[in-house]
Amino acid sequence: MPKETHLLNPDKWVKLHADYLYNYAIGRINNHDLAKDLVQDTFFAGLKAMDNFQGLASERTWLVAILKRKIIDYYRKINSAKGKAEVKMNFYDDGEREGDWIEERIPSSWNNETEKDIENEELSDALEKCIANLPEKYAMVFRMKTIQQIETEDICKELEISSSNLWVIIHRARTQLRKCMEDNWFKN
């Protein structure tokens, strides 16, 4: 059986794929302006790379792959900039040993790993309690999207909701979780 060959139609990319790509990006970077920029960069890169499209994947799948690389590049760029920054921790205030540590040369942590493990477990428990206090639909959508990382389209089909409704639910769930965590974890 011959494989289906997909074609590109860049004139319809914005209409057919912009919302999907934007929702994909916003779920991974949580910055509306940056998400819009990344989608725009994705379309531009897609136009430049059209000759490389072999038609083995759908147009949307191909665009999502480009967007994923754009998101990875974004995180690499900000992490690279952080890696070159000076750590503002000065162990000596005067004399010939005065100076800051460069992040890549900072001594390994002196903290007790057991304390970190306990704190992480307590944080996890507090977060789970806050998720359990969400309205049932909010908790289900939040877990599916954020924890299980199920695609927006699949969640919408399964729960029979629109993508805009899903994002309203996610936003409300995050807002309630933030308040709950501030009240129950960060004030301890």
C-alpha atoms as a PDB file:
ATOM      1  CA  MET A   1       0.000   0.000   0.000  1.00  0.00           C
ATOM      2  CA  PRO A   2       1.568   3.365  -1.003  1.00  0.00           C
ATOM      3  CA  LYS A   3       2.221   5.909   1.717  1.00  0.00           C
ATOM      4  CA  GLU A   4       0.168   9.093   1.691  1.00  0.00           C
ATOM      5  CA  THR A   5       2.143  12.139   0.578  1.00  0.00           C
ATOM      6  CA  HIS A   6       1.226  15.405   2.276  1.00  0.00           C
ATOM      7  CA  LEU A   7       1.515  18.813   0.646  1.00  0.00           C
ATOM      8  CA  LEU A   8       2.243  22.250   2.077  1.00  0.00           C
ATOM      9  CA  ASN A   9      -0.176  25.134   1.699  1.00  0.00           C
ATOM     10  CA  PRO A  10       1.486  28.149   3.378  1.00  0.00           C
ATOM     11  CA  ASP A  11      -1.342  30.490   2.323  1.00  0.00           C
ATOM     12  CA  LYS A  12      -3.575  28.735   4.862  1.00  0.00           C
ATOM     13  CA  TRP A  13      -1.064  28.198   7.700  1.00  0.00           C
ATOM     14  CA  VAL A  14      -2.307  31.078   9.821  1.00  0.00           C
ATOM     15  CA  LYS A  15      -5.954  30.059   9.440  1.00  0.00           C
ATOM     16  CA  LEU A  16      -5.386  26.337   9.948  1.00  0.00           C
ATOM     17  CA  HIS A  17      -2.492  26.156  12.398  1.00  0.00           C
ATOM     18  CA  ALA A  18      -1.828  29.459  14.204  1.00  0.00           C
ATOM     19  CA  ASP A  19      -4.139  28.785  17.182  1.00  0.00           C
ATOM     20  CA  TYR A  20      -2.883  25.240  17.622  1.00  0.00           C
ATOM     21  CA  LEU A  21       0.776  26.311  17.468  1.00  0.00           C
ATOM     22  CA  TYR A  22       0.154  29.240  19.816  1.00  0.00           C
ATOM     23  CA  ASN A  23      -1.536  26.971  22.382  1.00  0.00           C
ATOM     24  CA  TYR A  24       1.321  24.498  22.036  1.00  0.00           C
ATOM     25  CA  ALA A  25       3.894  27.241  22.641  1.00  0.00           C
ATOM     26  CA  ILE A  26       2.067  28.940  25.513  1.00  0.00           C
ATOM     27  CA  GLY A  27       1.807  25.618  27.337  1.00  0.00           C
ATOM     28  CA  ARG A  28       5.570  25.318  27.293  1.00  0.00           C
ATOM     29  CA  ILE A  29       6.778  28.874  27.871  1.00  0.00           C
ATOM     30  CA  ASN A  30       3.850  30.678  29.564  1.00  0.00           C
ATOM     31  CA  ASN A  31       4.587  34.053  27.928  1.00  0.00           C
ATOM     32  CA  HIS A  32       1.963  35.318  25.475  1.00  0.00           C
ATOM     33  CA  ASP A  33       4.200  37.694  23.510  1.00  0.00           C
ATOM     34  CA  LEU A  34       7.009  35.175  23.237  1.00  0.00           C
ATOM     35  CA  ALA A  35       4.549  32.460  22.147  1.00  0.00           C
ATOM     36  CA  LYS A  36       3.284  34.730  19.346  1.00  0.00           C
ATOM     37  CA  ASP A  37       6.863  35.483  18.286  1.00  0.00           C
ATOM     38  CA  LEU A  38       7.775  31.791  18.241  1.00  0.00           C
ATOM     39  CA  VAL A  39       4.752  30.938  16.091  1.00  0.00           C
ATOM     40  CA  GLN A  40       5.689  33.727  13.687  1.00  0.00           C
ATOM     41  CA  ASP A  41       9.299  32.447  13.634  1.00  0.00           C
ATOM     42  CA  THR A  42       7.944  28.948  12.969  1.00  0.00           C
ATOM     43  CA  PHE A  43       5.977  30.114   9.926  1.00  0.00           C
ATOM     44  CA  PHE A  44       8.997  32.023   8.626  1.00  0.00           C
ATOM     45  CA  ALA A  45      11.306  29.036   9.130  1.00  0.00           C
ATOM     46  CA  GLY A  46       8.709  26.815   7.459  1.00  0.00           C
ATOM     47  CA  LEU A  47       8.659  29.058   4.403  1.00  0.00           C
ATOM     48  CA  LYS A  48      12.452  28.981   4.233  1.00  0.00           C
ATOM     49  CA  ALA A  49      12.537  25.175   4.619  1.00  0.00           C
ATOM     50  CA  MET A  50       9.714  24.270   2.230  1.00  0.00           C
ATOM     51  CA  ASP A  51      12.154  22.592  -0.160  1.00  0.00           C
ATOM     52  CA  ASN A  52      13.121  20.183   2.643  1.00  0.00           C
ATOM     53  CA  PHE A  53       9.515  19.044   3.251  1.00  0.00           C
ATOM     54  CA  GLN A  54       9.224  15.452   2.040  1.00  0.00           C
ATOM     55  CA  GLY A  55       5.494  15.009   2.587  1.00  0.00           C
ATOM     56  CA  LEU A  56       5.907  12.085   4.985  1.00  0.00           C
ATOM     57  CA  ALA A  57       4.226  13.930   7.875  1.00  0.00           C
ATOM     58  CA  SER A  58       1.205  16.189   7.891  1.00  0.00           C
ATOM     59  CA  GLU A  59       1.696  19.905   7.487  1.00  0.00           C
ATOM     60  CA  ARG A  60       0.762  20.519  11.154  1.00  0.00           C
ATOM     61  CA  THR A  61       3.128  17.828  12.429  1.00  0.00           C
ATOM     62  CA  TRP A  62       5.946  19.367  10.397  1.00  0.00           C
ATOM     63  CA  LEU A  63       5.180  22.869  11.734  1.00  0.00           C
ATOM     64  CA  VAL A  64       5.004  21.566  15.333  1.00  0.00           C
ATOM     65  CA  ALA A  65       8.430  19.968  14.855  1.00  0.00           C
ATOM     66  CA  ILE A  66       9.806  23.347  13.751  1.00  0.00           C
ATOM     67  CA  LEU A  67       8.110  25.060  16.722  1.00  0.00           C
ATOM     68  CA  LYS A  68       9.602  22.496  19.130  1.00  0.00           C
ATOM     69  CA  ARG A  69      13.062  23.356  17.828  1.00  0.00           C
ATOM     70  CA  LYS A  70      12.318  27.075  18.226  1.00  0.00           C
ATOM     71  CA  ILE A  71      11.272  26.500  21.860  1.00  0.00           C
ATOM     72  CA  ILE A  72      14.367  24.400  22.548  1.00  0.00           C
ATOM     73  CA  ASP A  73      16.551  27.087  20.961  1.00  0.00           C
ATOM     74  CA  TYR A  74      14.883  29.713  23.160  1.00  0.00           C
ATOM     75  CA  TYR A  75      15.612  27.735  26.347  1.00  0.00           C
ATOM     76  CA  ARG A  76      19.171  27.002  25.232  1.00  0.00           C
ATOM     77  CA  LYS A  77      19.725  30.688  24.611  1.00  0.00           C
ATOM     78  CA  ILE A  78      18.471  31.804  28.028  1.00  0.00           C
ATOM     79  CA  ASN A  79      20.284  28.979  29.798  1.00  0.00           C
ATOM     80  CA  SER A  80      23.480  29.791  27.940  1.00  0.00           C
ATOM     81  CA  ALA A  81      23.204  33.427  29.010  1.00  0.00           C
ATOM     82  CA  LYS A  82      22.675  32.321  32.609  1.00  0.00           C
ATOM     83  CA  GLY A  83      25.717  30.056  32.430  1.00  0.00           C
ATOM     84  CA  LYS A  84      27.940  32.991  31.601  1.00  0.00           C
ATOM     85  CA  ALA A  85      26.554  35.260  34.291  1.00  0.00           C
ATOM     86  CA  GLU A  86      28.398  35.927  37.491  1.00  0.00           C
ATOM     87  CA  VAL A  87      26.928  34.566  40.670  1.00  0.00           C
ATOM     88  CA  LYS A  88      26.395  37.426  43.105  1.00  0.00           C
ATOM     89  CA  MET A  89      27.874  35.526  46.031  1.00  0.00           C
ATOM     90  CA  ASN A  90      31.040  36.970  47.469  1.00  0.00           C
ATOM     91  CA  PHE A  91      32.864  34.878  50.061  1.00  0.00           C
ATOM     92  CA  TYR A  92      35.499  37.530  50.814  1.00  0.00           C
ATOM     93  CA  ASP A  93      34.813  41.265  51.091  1.00  0.00           C
ATOM     94  CA  ASP A  94      38.346  42.577  51.004  1.00  0.00           C
ATOM     95  CA  GLY A  95      41.942  41.641  50.465  1.00  0.00           C
ATOM     96  CA  GLU A  96      43.523  39.736  47.621  1.00  0.00           C
ATOM     97  CA  ARG A  97      40.825  37.008  47.669  1.00  0.00           C
ATOM     98  CA  GLU A  98      37.969  39.473  46.976  1.00  0.00           C
ATOM     99  CA  GLY A  99      35.723  38.544  44.015  1.00  0.00           C
ATOM    100  CA  ASP A 100      32.652  36.772  42.725  1.00  0.00           C
ATOM    101  CA  TRP A 101      32.294  33.164  41.645  1.00  0.00           C
ATOM    102  CA  ILE A 102      31.569  32.445  37.988  1.00  0.00           C
ATOM    103  CA  GLU A 103      28.570  30.078  37.888  1.00  0.00           C
ATOM    104  CA  GLU A 104      30.423  27.286  36.105  1.00  0.00           C
ATOM    105  CA  ARG A 105      33.158  27.354  38.763  1.00  0.00           C
ATOM    106  CA  ILE A 106      31.011  27.679  41.865  1.00  0.00           C
ATOM    107  CA  PRO A 107      31.682  24.982  44.485  1.00  0.00           C
ATOM    108  CA  SER A 108      29.162  22.168  44.695  1.00  0.00           C
ATOM    109  CA  SER A 109      26.285  22.634  47.090  1.00  0.00           C
ATOM    110  CA  TRP A 110      26.974  22.229  50.783  1.00  0.00           C
ATOM    111  CA  ASN A 111      23.314  21.576  51.587  1.00  0.00           C
ATOM    112  CA  ASN A 112      22.147  18.315  53.053  1.00  0.00           C
ATOM    113  CA  GLU A 113      20.583  16.176  50.297  1.00  0.00           C
ATOM    114  CA  THR A 114      18.217  14.521  52.784  1.00  0.00           C
ATOM    115  CA  GLU A 115      16.760  17.923  53.677  1.00  0.00           C
ATOM    116  CA  LYS A 116      16.203  18.647  49.977  1.00  0.00           C
ATOM    117  CA  ASP A 117      14.458  15.284  49.478  1.00  0.00           C
ATOM    118  CA  ILE A 118      12.167  15.924  52.453  1.00  0.00           C
ATOM    119  CA  GLU A 119      11.397  19.448  51.244  1.00  0.00           C
ATOM    120  CA  ASN A 120      10.613  18.176  47.725  1.00  0.00           C
ATOM    121  CA  GLU A 121       8.305  15.520  49.149  1.00  0.00           C
ATOM    122  CA  GLU A 122       6.531  18.113  51.301  1.00  0.00           C
ATOM    123  CA  LEU A 123       6.186  20.420  48.296  1.00  0.00           C
ATOM    124  CA  SER A 124       4.766  17.576  46.228  1.00  0.00           C
ATOM    125  CA  ASP A 125       2.259  16.744  48.968  1.00  0.00           C
ATOM    126  CA  ALA A 126       1.199  20.388  49.276  1.00  0.00           C
ATOM    127  CA  LEU A 127       0.741  20.669  45.509  1.00  0.00           C
ATOM    128  CA  GLU A 128      -1.281  17.459  45.355  1.00  0.00           C
ATOM    129  CA  LYS A 129      -3.559  18.714  48.163  1.00  0.00           C
ATOM    130  CA  CYS A 130      -4.084  21.969  46.261  1.00  0.00           C
ATOM    131  CA  ILE A 131      -4.911  20.084  43.045  1.00  0.00           C
ATOM    132  CA  ALA A 132      -7.365  17.919  45.007  1.00  0.00           C
ATOM    133  CA  ASN A 133      -9.115  21.099  46.215  1.00  0.00           C
ATOM    134  CA  LEU A 134      -9.741  22.311  42.661  1.00  0.00           C
ATOM    135  CA  PRO A 135     -13.177  21.774  41.111  1.00  0.00           C
ATOM    136  CA  GLU A 136     -13.202  18.281  39.596  1.00  0.00           C
ATOM    137  CA  LYS A 137     -13.125  19.441  35.957  1.00  0.00           C
ATOM    138  CA  TYR A 138     -10.293  21.907  36.650  1.00  0.00           C
ATOM    139  CA  ALA A 139      -8.228  19.224  38.366  1.00  0.00           C
ATOM    140  CA  MET A 140      -8.826  16.732  35.547  1.00  0.00           C
ATOM    141  CA  VAL A 141      -7.916  19.194  32.789  1.00  0.00           C
ATOM    142  CA  PHE A 142      -4.875  20.482  34.720  1.00  0.00           C
ATOM    143  CA  ARG A 143      -3.552  16.952  35.283  1.00  0.00           C
ATOM    144  CA  MET A 144      -4.150  15.925  31.672  1.00  0.00           C
ATOM    145  CA  LYS A 145      -2.507  19.004  30.170  1.00  0.00           C
ATOM    146  CA  THR A 146       0.232  19.879  32.644  1.00  0.00           C
ATOM    147  CA  ILE A 147       1.204  16.639  34.335  1.00  0.00           C
ATOM    148  CA  GLN A 148       0.365  13.994  31.713  1.00  0.00           C
ATOM    149  CA  GLN A 149       1.191  16.411  28.848  1.00  0.00           C
ATOM    150  CA  ILE A 150      -1.661  15.225  26.670  1.00  0.00           C
ATOM    151  CA  GLU A 151      -2.107  17.283  23.505  1.00  0.00           C
ATOM    152  CA  THR A 152      -4.766  20.012  23.616  1.00  0.00           C
ATOM    153  CA  GLU A 153      -6.647  18.529  20.669  1.00  0.00           C
ATOM    154  CA  ASP A 154      -6.894  15.122  22.366  1.00  0.00           C
ATOM    155  CA  ILE A 155      -8.120  16.614  25.655  1.00  0.00           C
ATOM    156  CA  CYS A 156     -10.746  18.672  23.831  1.00  0.00           C
ATOM    157  CA  LYS A 157     -12.020  15.616  21.964  1.00  0.00           C
ATOM    158  CA  GLU A 158     -12.118  13.455  25.083  1.00  0.00           C
ATOM    159  CA  LEU A 159     -13.878  16.044  27.263  1.00  0.00           C
ATOM    160  CA  GLU A 160     -15.936  17.538  24.418  1.00  0.00           C
ATOM    161  CA  ILE A 161     -14.782  21.103  25.059  1.00  0.00           C
ATOM    162  CA  SER A 162     -13.330  23.797  22.808  1.00  0.00           C
ATOM    163  CA  SER A 163      -9.650  24.711  22.945  1.00  0.00           C
ATOM    164  CA  SER A 164     -10.514  28.202  24.212  1.00  0.00           C
ATOM    165  CA  ASN A 165     -12.595  26.627  27.010  1.00  0.00           C
ATOM    166  CA  LEU A 166      -9.654  24.364  27.862  1.00  0.00           C
ATOM    167  CA  TRP A 167      -7.293  27.342  28.165  1.00  0.00           C
ATOM    168  CA  VAL A 168      -9.772  29.228  30.361  1.00  0.00           C
ATOM    169  CA  ILE A 169      -9.953  26.177  32.646  1.00  0.00           C
ATOM    170  CA  ILE A 170      -6.140  25.857  32.708  1.00  0.00           C
ATOM    171  CA  HIS A 171      -5.775  29.554  33.534  1.00  0.00           C
ATOM    172  CA  ARG A 172      -8.329  29.371  36.353  1.00  0.00           C
ATOM    173  CA  ALA A 173      -6.770  26.181  37.721  1.00  0.00           C
ATOM    174  CA  ARG A 174      -3.301  27.750  37.748  1.00  0.00           C
ATOM    175  CA  THR A 175      -4.635  30.884  39.446  1.00  0.00           C
ATOM    176  CA  GLN A 176      -6.324  28.822  42.167  1.00  0.00           C
ATOM    177  CA  LEU A 177      -3.246  26.613  42.571  1.00  0.00           C
ATOM    178  CA  ARG A 178      -0.990  29.654  42.915  1.00  0.00           C
ATOM    179  CA  LYS A 179      -3.209  31.076  45.668  1.00  0.00           C
ATOM    180  CA  CYS A 180      -3.445  27.707  47.441  1.00  0.00           C
ATOM    181  CA  MET A 181       0.332  27.191  47.314  1.00  0.00           C
ATOM    182  CA  GLU A 182       0.955  30.733  48.567  1.00  0.00           C
ATOM    183  CA  ASP A 183      -1.444  30.156  51.466  1.00  0.00           C
ATOM    184  CA  ASN A 184      -0.304  26.622  52.336  1.00  0.00           C
ATOM    185  CA  TRP A 185       3.309  26.229  51.299  1.00  0.00           C
ATOM    186  CA  PHE A 186       5.182  29.495  50.909  1.00  0.00           C
ATOM    187  CA  LYS A 187       3.938  30.959  54.212  1.00  0.00           C
ATOM    188  CA  ASN A 188       5.197  27.980  56.236  1.00  0.00           C
END
